[in-house]
């Protein structure tokens, strides 16, 4: 169903998918301090609409959605820490990511962006091996995403001790300052897509 005459088509609709890191469930932060909300500040042309559909405690992408104007949509998927923490292999997780990329692309979504997984104090040495292997799979981008956000461009994300303090986060989730760092990195990847559109 199309909107009534007179309702403007949005410039862009940005949909953030993932786990609690994207949902912003770290204790005490406000909605405005969450990573997706801060990302809006750095995107050129400022998206007209924004939706955070991430769900804490999960790792399976949440692609059951329907929006008007998918050709004006950017789907951003950031997942992984719960999978690795639960013993899921990098290959299995990347298979789920690949399926999500294909599903949203089949629905006509204009841009599909995925990300690597930054460090977490909850991951043991075996799980860290899977995390790093998964990051390599994301960078290789066999799924064919339009872009990959690689948190390792800022070494701060490679050591969870950097965000294991009251002001920075709990070693798993980011606090307001860490979310702002993440937003800047993500924007640097997404803005070129917007400029070329």
C-alpha atoms as a PDB file:
ATOM      1  CA  UNK A   1       0.000   0.000   0.000  1.00  0.00           C
ATOM      2  CA  UNK A   2       1.386   3.369  -1.053  1.00  0.00           C
ATOM      3  CA  UNK A   3       1.201   6.422   1.197  1.00  0.00           C
ATOM      4  CA  UNK A   4      -1.445   9.037   0.585  1.00  0.00           C
ATOM      5  CA  UNK A   5      -0.747  11.788  -1.907  1.00  0.00           C
ATOM      6  CA  UNK A   6       1.224  14.558  -0.289  1.00  0.00           C
ATOM      7  CA  UNK A   7       3.436  12.313   1.903  1.00  0.00           C
ATOM      8  CA  UNK A   8       7.025  12.813   0.794  1.00  0.00           C
ATOM      9  CA  UNK A   9       9.168   9.860  -0.167  1.00  0.00           C
ATOM     10  CA  UNK A  10      12.022   9.541   2.391  1.00  0.00           C
ATOM     11  CA  UNK A  11      15.534  10.584   1.391  1.00  0.00           C
ATOM     12  CA  UNK A  12      16.856   7.328   2.901  1.00  0.00           C
ATOM     13  CA  UNK A  13      15.639   4.721   5.339  1.00  0.00           C
ATOM     14  CA  UNK A  14      18.488   3.222   7.365  1.00  0.00           C
ATOM     15  CA  UNK A  15      17.705  -0.079   9.101  1.00  0.00           C
ATOM     16  CA  UNK A  16      20.158  -1.315  11.741  1.00  0.00           C
ATOM     17  CA  UNK A  17      20.062  -5.045  12.474  1.00  0.00           C
ATOM     18  CA  UNK A  18      22.084  -7.111  14.921  1.00  0.00           C
ATOM     19  CA  UNK A  19      22.356  -7.898  18.617  1.00  0.00           C
ATOM     20  CA  UNK A  20      22.465  -5.916  21.859  1.00  0.00           C
ATOM     21  CA  UNK A  21      25.525  -3.981  20.706  1.00  0.00           C
ATOM     22  CA  UNK A  22      23.409  -2.413  17.979  1.00  0.00           C
ATOM     23  CA  UNK A  23      20.203  -2.364  20.022  1.00  0.00           C
ATOM     24  CA  UNK A  24      22.049  -0.271  22.600  1.00  0.00           C
ATOM     25  CA  UNK A  25      21.104  -2.188  25.729  1.00  0.00           C
ATOM     26  CA  UNK A  26      24.237  -1.294  27.703  1.00  0.00           C
ATOM     27  CA  UNK A  27      23.020   0.004  31.068  1.00  0.00           C
ATOM     28  CA  UNK A  28      22.523   3.703  31.468  1.00  0.00           C
ATOM     29  CA  UNK A  29      22.917   4.975  27.918  1.00  0.00           C
ATOM     30  CA  UNK A  30      20.164   6.989  26.336  1.00  0.00           C
ATOM     31  CA  UNK A  31      18.537   6.301  22.979  1.00  0.00           C
ATOM     32  CA  UNK A  32      20.491   9.208  21.480  1.00  0.00           C
ATOM     33  CA  UNK A  33      23.764   7.641  22.673  1.00  0.00           C
ATOM     34  CA  UNK A  34      23.220   4.326  20.890  1.00  0.00           C
ATOM     35  CA  UNK A  35      25.476   3.545  17.943  1.00  0.00           C
ATOM     36  CA  UNK A  36      22.779   3.660  15.220  1.00  0.00           C
ATOM     37  CA  UNK A  37      21.389   6.955  16.497  1.00  0.00           C
ATOM     38  CA  UNK A  38      24.838   8.542  16.582  1.00  0.00           C
ATOM     39  CA  UNK A  39      25.509   7.199  13.083  1.00  0.00           C
ATOM     40  CA  UNK A  40      22.686   9.402  11.794  1.00  0.00           C
ATOM     41  CA  UNK A  41      24.692  12.479  12.772  1.00  0.00           C
ATOM     42  CA  UNK A  42      27.539  11.523  10.463  1.00  0.00           C
ATOM     43  CA  UNK A  43      25.621  10.386   7.380  1.00  0.00           C
ATOM     44  CA  UNK A  44      25.554  12.943   4.605  1.00  0.00           C
ATOM     45  CA  UNK A  45      22.082  14.024   3.581  1.00  0.00           C
ATOM     46  CA  UNK A  46      20.705  12.956   6.973  1.00  0.00           C
ATOM     47  CA  UNK A  47      18.309   9.973   6.596  1.00  0.00           C
ATOM     48  CA  UNK A  48      14.659  10.906   6.659  1.00  0.00           C
ATOM     49  CA  UNK A  49      13.738   7.730   8.558  1.00  0.00           C
ATOM     50  CA  UNK A  50      15.631   5.411  10.887  1.00  0.00           C
ATOM     51  CA  UNK A  51      14.807   2.011  12.374  1.00  0.00           C
ATOM     52  CA  UNK A  52      16.807   0.013  14.921  1.00  0.00           C
ATOM     53  CA  UNK A  53      15.527  -3.570  14.685  1.00  0.00           C
ATOM     54  CA  UNK A  54      18.394  -5.238  16.530  1.00  0.00           C
ATOM     55  CA  UNK A  55      17.479  -7.706  19.285  1.00  0.00           C
ATOM     56  CA  UNK A  56      19.728  -8.370  22.273  1.00  0.00           C
ATOM     57  CA  UNK A  57      20.920 -11.909  22.959  1.00  0.00           C
ATOM     58  CA  UNK A  58      20.591 -13.071  19.350  1.00  0.00           C
ATOM     59  CA  UNK A  59      22.841 -13.617  16.362  1.00  0.00           C
ATOM     60  CA  UNK A  60      20.384 -14.593  13.608  1.00  0.00           C
ATOM     61  CA  UNK A  61      19.635 -11.591  11.355  1.00  0.00           C
ATOM     62  CA  UNK A  62      16.103 -10.159  11.623  1.00  0.00           C
ATOM     63  CA  UNK A  63      15.013  -9.838   8.014  1.00  0.00           C
ATOM     64  CA  UNK A  64      11.244 -10.210   8.484  1.00  0.00           C
ATOM     65  CA  UNK A  65      10.299  -6.672   7.570  1.00  0.00           C
ATOM     66  CA  UNK A  66       8.450  -4.817   4.863  1.00  0.00           C
ATOM     67  CA  UNK A  67       8.908  -1.163   4.036  1.00  0.00           C
ATOM     68  CA  UNK A  68       7.756   1.167   1.354  1.00  0.00           C
ATOM     69  CA  UNK A  69      10.443   2.269  -1.065  1.00  0.00           C
ATOM     70  CA  UNK A  70      13.096  -0.452  -0.521  1.00  0.00           C
ATOM     71  CA  UNK A  71      15.069   1.271  -3.274  1.00  0.00           C
ATOM     72  CA  UNK A  72      15.714   4.056  -0.730  1.00  0.00           C
ATOM     73  CA  UNK A  73      16.793   1.694   2.040  1.00  0.00           C
ATOM     74  CA  UNK A  74      20.205   0.916   3.570  1.00  0.00           C
ATOM     75  CA  UNK A  75      20.311  -2.309   5.597  1.00  0.00           C
ATOM     76  CA  UNK A  76      23.230  -2.415   8.084  1.00  0.00           C
ATOM     77  CA  UNK A  77      23.924  -5.774   9.769  1.00  0.00           C
ATOM     78  CA  UNK A  78      26.302  -6.087  12.738  1.00  0.00           C
ATOM     79  CA  UNK A  79      26.249  -9.450  14.490  1.00  0.00           C
ATOM     80  CA  UNK A  80      28.587 -12.145  15.784  1.00  0.00           C
ATOM     81  CA  UNK A  81      29.543 -11.892  19.448  1.00  0.00           C
ATOM     82  CA  UNK A  82      26.603 -13.995  20.685  1.00  0.00           C
ATOM     83  CA  UNK A  83      27.256 -16.610  18.007  1.00  0.00           C
ATOM     84  CA  UNK A  84      30.917 -17.037  18.903  1.00  0.00           C
ATOM     85  CA  UNK A  85      30.126 -16.927  22.619  1.00  0.00           C
ATOM     86  CA  UNK A  86      27.661 -19.776  22.021  1.00  0.00           C
ATOM     87  CA  UNK A  87      30.097 -21.977  20.113  1.00  0.00           C
ATOM     88  CA  UNK A  88      28.854 -21.173  16.603  1.00  0.00           C
ATOM     89  CA  UNK A  89      31.589 -21.387  13.976  1.00  0.00           C
ATOM     90  CA  UNK A  90      32.666 -18.505  11.778  1.00  0.00           C
ATOM     91  CA  UNK A  91      31.535 -20.410   8.681  1.00  0.00           C
ATOM     92  CA  UNK A  92      28.071 -21.054  10.126  1.00  0.00           C
ATOM     93  CA  UNK A  93      27.600 -17.446  11.154  1.00  0.00           C
ATOM     94  CA  UNK A  94      28.777 -16.165   7.785  1.00  0.00           C
ATOM     95  CA  UNK A  95      26.298 -18.518   6.126  1.00  0.00           C
ATOM     96  CA  UNK A  96      23.518 -16.746   8.055  1.00  0.00           C
ATOM     97  CA  UNK A  97      24.924 -13.364   7.048  1.00  0.00           C
ATOM     98  CA  UNK A  98      25.020 -14.446   3.406  1.00  0.00           C
ATOM     99  CA  UNK A  99      21.392 -15.579   3.592  1.00  0.00           C
ATOM    100  CA  UNK A 100      20.391 -12.224   5.095  1.00  0.00           C
ATOM    101  CA  UNK A 101      22.209 -10.331   2.345  1.00  0.00           C
ATOM    102  CA  UNK A 102      20.386 -12.371  -0.305  1.00  0.00           C
ATOM    103  CA  UNK A 103      16.975 -11.998   1.366  1.00  0.00           C
ATOM    104  CA  UNK A 104      17.086  -8.226   1.668  1.00  0.00           C
ATOM    105  CA  UNK A 105      18.564  -7.854  -1.807  1.00  0.00           C
ATOM    106  CA  UNK A 106      15.732  -9.971  -3.236  1.00  0.00           C
ATOM    107  CA  UNK A 107      13.340  -7.484  -1.629  1.00  0.00           C
ATOM    108  CA  UNK A 108      14.864  -4.673  -3.606  1.00  0.00           C
ATOM    109  CA  UNK A 109      16.885  -3.062  -0.813  1.00  0.00           C
ATOM    110  CA  UNK A 110      19.260  -0.537  -2.383  1.00  0.00           C
ATOM    111  CA  UNK A 111      22.340  -0.978  -0.197  1.00  0.00           C
ATOM    112  CA  UNK A 112      23.369  -3.870   2.052  1.00  0.00           C
ATOM    113  CA  UNK A 113      26.207  -3.273   4.534  1.00  0.00           C
ATOM    114  CA  UNK A 114      27.696  -5.846   6.928  1.00  0.00           C
ATOM    115  CA  UNK A 115      30.351  -5.519   9.618  1.00  0.00           C
ATOM    116  CA  UNK A 116      33.106  -7.455  11.316  1.00  0.00           C
ATOM    117  CA  UNK A 117      32.810  -8.298  15.042  1.00  0.00           C
ATOM    118  CA  UNK A 118      34.864  -6.297  17.523  1.00  0.00           C
ATOM    119  CA  UNK A 119      36.430  -7.798  20.637  1.00  0.00           C
ATOM    120  CA  UNK A 120      34.590  -8.915  23.808  1.00  0.00           C
ATOM    121  CA  UNK A 121      35.824  -9.923  27.251  1.00  0.00           C
ATOM    122  CA  UNK A 122      33.277 -12.773  27.137  1.00  0.00           C
ATOM    123  CA  UNK A 123      35.116 -14.664  24.387  1.00  0.00           C
ATOM    124  CA  UNK A 124      37.646 -17.352  25.330  1.00  0.00           C
ATOM    125  CA  UNK A 125      40.685 -18.168  23.169  1.00  0.00           C
ATOM    126  CA  UNK A 126      38.807 -20.689  20.987  1.00  0.00           C
ATOM    127  CA  UNK A 127      35.943 -18.257  20.436  1.00  0.00           C
ATOM    128  CA  UNK A 128      38.419 -15.496  19.589  1.00  0.00           C
ATOM    129  CA  UNK A 129      39.837 -17.716  16.850  1.00  0.00           C
ATOM    130  CA  UNK A 130      36.350 -18.008  15.381  1.00  0.00           C
ATOM    131  CA  UNK A 131      35.777 -14.256  15.698  1.00  0.00           C
ATOM    132  CA  UNK A 132      38.957 -13.474  13.785  1.00  0.00           C
ATOM    133  CA  UNK A 133      38.137 -16.097  11.143  1.00  0.00           C
ATOM    134  CA  UNK A 134      34.657 -14.617  10.796  1.00  0.00           C
ATOM    135  CA  UNK A 135      36.131 -11.165  10.361  1.00  0.00           C
ATOM    136  CA  UNK A 136      38.300 -12.491   7.528  1.00  0.00           C
ATOM    137  CA  UNK A 137      35.183 -13.921   5.875  1.00  0.00           C
ATOM    138  CA  UNK A 138      33.418 -10.578   6.178  1.00  0.00           C
ATOM    139  CA  UNK A 139      36.376  -8.731   4.664  1.00  0.00           C
ATOM    140  CA  UNK A 140      36.540 -11.186   1.743  1.00  0.00           C
ATOM    141  CA  UNK A 141      32.827 -10.398   1.214  1.00  0.00           C
ATOM    142  CA  UNK A 142      31.769 -13.518  -0.662  1.00  0.00           C
ATOM    143  CA  UNK A 143      28.186 -12.616   0.286  1.00  0.00           C
ATOM    144  CA  UNK A 144      28.425  -9.623  -2.030  1.00  0.00           C
ATOM    145  CA  UNK A 145      27.441  -6.863   0.384  1.00  0.00           C
ATOM    146  CA  UNK A 146      27.784  -3.357  -1.017  1.00  0.00           C
ATOM    147  CA  UNK A 147      30.254  -2.494   1.740  1.00  0.00           C
ATOM    148  CA  UNK A 148      31.897  -3.946   4.840  1.00  0.00           C
ATOM    149  CA  UNK A 149      32.421  -2.015   8.063  1.00  0.00           C
ATOM    150  CA  UNK A 150      35.733  -3.190   9.513  1.00  0.00           C
ATOM    151  CA  UNK A 151      36.047  -2.087  13.142  1.00  0.00           C
ATOM    152  CA  UNK A 152      39.754  -2.978  13.088  1.00  0.00           C
ATOM    153  CA  UNK A 153      40.541   0.211  11.181  1.00  0.00           C
ATOM    154  CA  UNK A 154      40.565   1.616  14.731  1.00  0.00           C
ATOM    155  CA  UNK A 155      42.781  -0.678  16.892  1.00  0.00           C
ATOM    156  CA  UNK A 156      40.810   0.494  19.940  1.00  0.00           C
ATOM    157  CA  UNK A 157      38.099  -2.032  18.984  1.00  0.00           C
ATOM    158  CA  UNK A 158      40.547  -4.954  18.963  1.00  0.00           C
ATOM    159  CA  UNK A 159      40.999  -4.916  22.740  1.00  0.00           C
ATOM    160  CA  UNK A 160      37.890  -5.123  24.931  1.00  0.00           C
ATOM    161  CA  UNK A 161      39.860  -3.689  27.839  1.00  0.00           C
ATOM    162  CA  UNK A 162      39.498  -0.324  26.092  1.00  0.00           C
ATOM    163  CA  UNK A 163      35.746  -0.367  26.648  1.00  0.00           C
ATOM    164  CA  UNK A 164      35.617  -2.113  30.025  1.00  0.00           C
ATOM    165  CA  UNK A 165      35.131   0.932  32.228  1.00  0.00           C
ATOM    166  CA  UNK A 166      32.053   2.809  33.478  1.00  0.00           C
ATOM    167  CA  UNK A 167      32.374   5.557  30.866  1.00  0.00           C
ATOM    168  CA  UNK A 168      33.360   3.369  27.929  1.00  0.00           C
ATOM    169  CA  UNK A 169      31.263   0.204  28.270  1.00  0.00           C
ATOM    170  CA  UNK A 170      31.210  -3.153  30.016  1.00  0.00           C
ATOM    171  CA  UNK A 171      33.780  -4.986  27.897  1.00  0.00           C
ATOM    172  CA  UNK A 172      31.052  -6.420  25.665  1.00  0.00           C
ATOM    173  CA  UNK A 173      28.891  -3.406  24.839  1.00  0.00           C
ATOM    174  CA  UNK A 174      30.041   0.099  24.064  1.00  0.00           C
ATOM    175  CA  UNK A 175      29.246   3.177  26.100  1.00  0.00           C
ATOM    176  CA  UNK A 176      28.413   6.575  24.538  1.00  0.00           C
ATOM    177  CA  UNK A 177      32.028   7.399  23.619  1.00  0.00           C
ATOM    178  CA  UNK A 178      32.657   3.994  22.032  1.00  0.00           C
ATOM    179  CA  UNK A 179      29.369   4.195  20.130  1.00  0.00           C
ATOM    180  CA  UNK A 180      30.471   7.531  18.723  1.00  0.00           C
ATOM    181  CA  UNK A 181      33.748   5.999  17.545  1.00  0.00           C
ATOM    182  CA  UNK A 182      31.766   3.182  15.923  1.00  0.00           C
ATOM    183  CA  UNK A 183      29.374   5.649  14.289  1.00  0.00           C
ATOM    184  CA  UNK A 184      32.254   7.558  12.684  1.00  0.00           C
ATOM    185  CA  UNK A 185      33.753   4.355  11.258  1.00  0.00           C
ATOM    186  CA  UNK A 186      30.400   3.167   9.897  1.00  0.00           C
ATOM    187  CA  UNK A 187      29.662   6.565   8.352  1.00  0.00           C
ATOM    188  CA  UNK A 188      33.004   6.569   6.553  1.00  0.00           C
ATOM    189  CA  UNK A 189      31.894   3.326   4.855  1.00  0.00           C
ATOM    190  CA  UNK A 190      28.269   4.269   4.149  1.00  0.00           C
ATOM    191  CA  UNK A 191      28.725   7.873   2.976  1.00  0.00           C
ATOM    192  CA  UNK A 192      30.443   6.905  -0.293  1.00  0.00           C
ATOM    193  CA  UNK A 193      27.404   4.740  -1.146  1.00  0.00           C
ATOM    194  CA  UNK A 194      25.093   7.690  -0.555  1.00  0.00           C
ATOM    195  CA  UNK A 195      27.284   9.997  -2.610  1.00  0.00           C
ATOM    196  CA  UNK A 196      27.289   7.589  -5.550  1.00  0.00           C
ATOM    197  CA  UNK A 197      23.518   6.989  -5.448  1.00  0.00           C
END
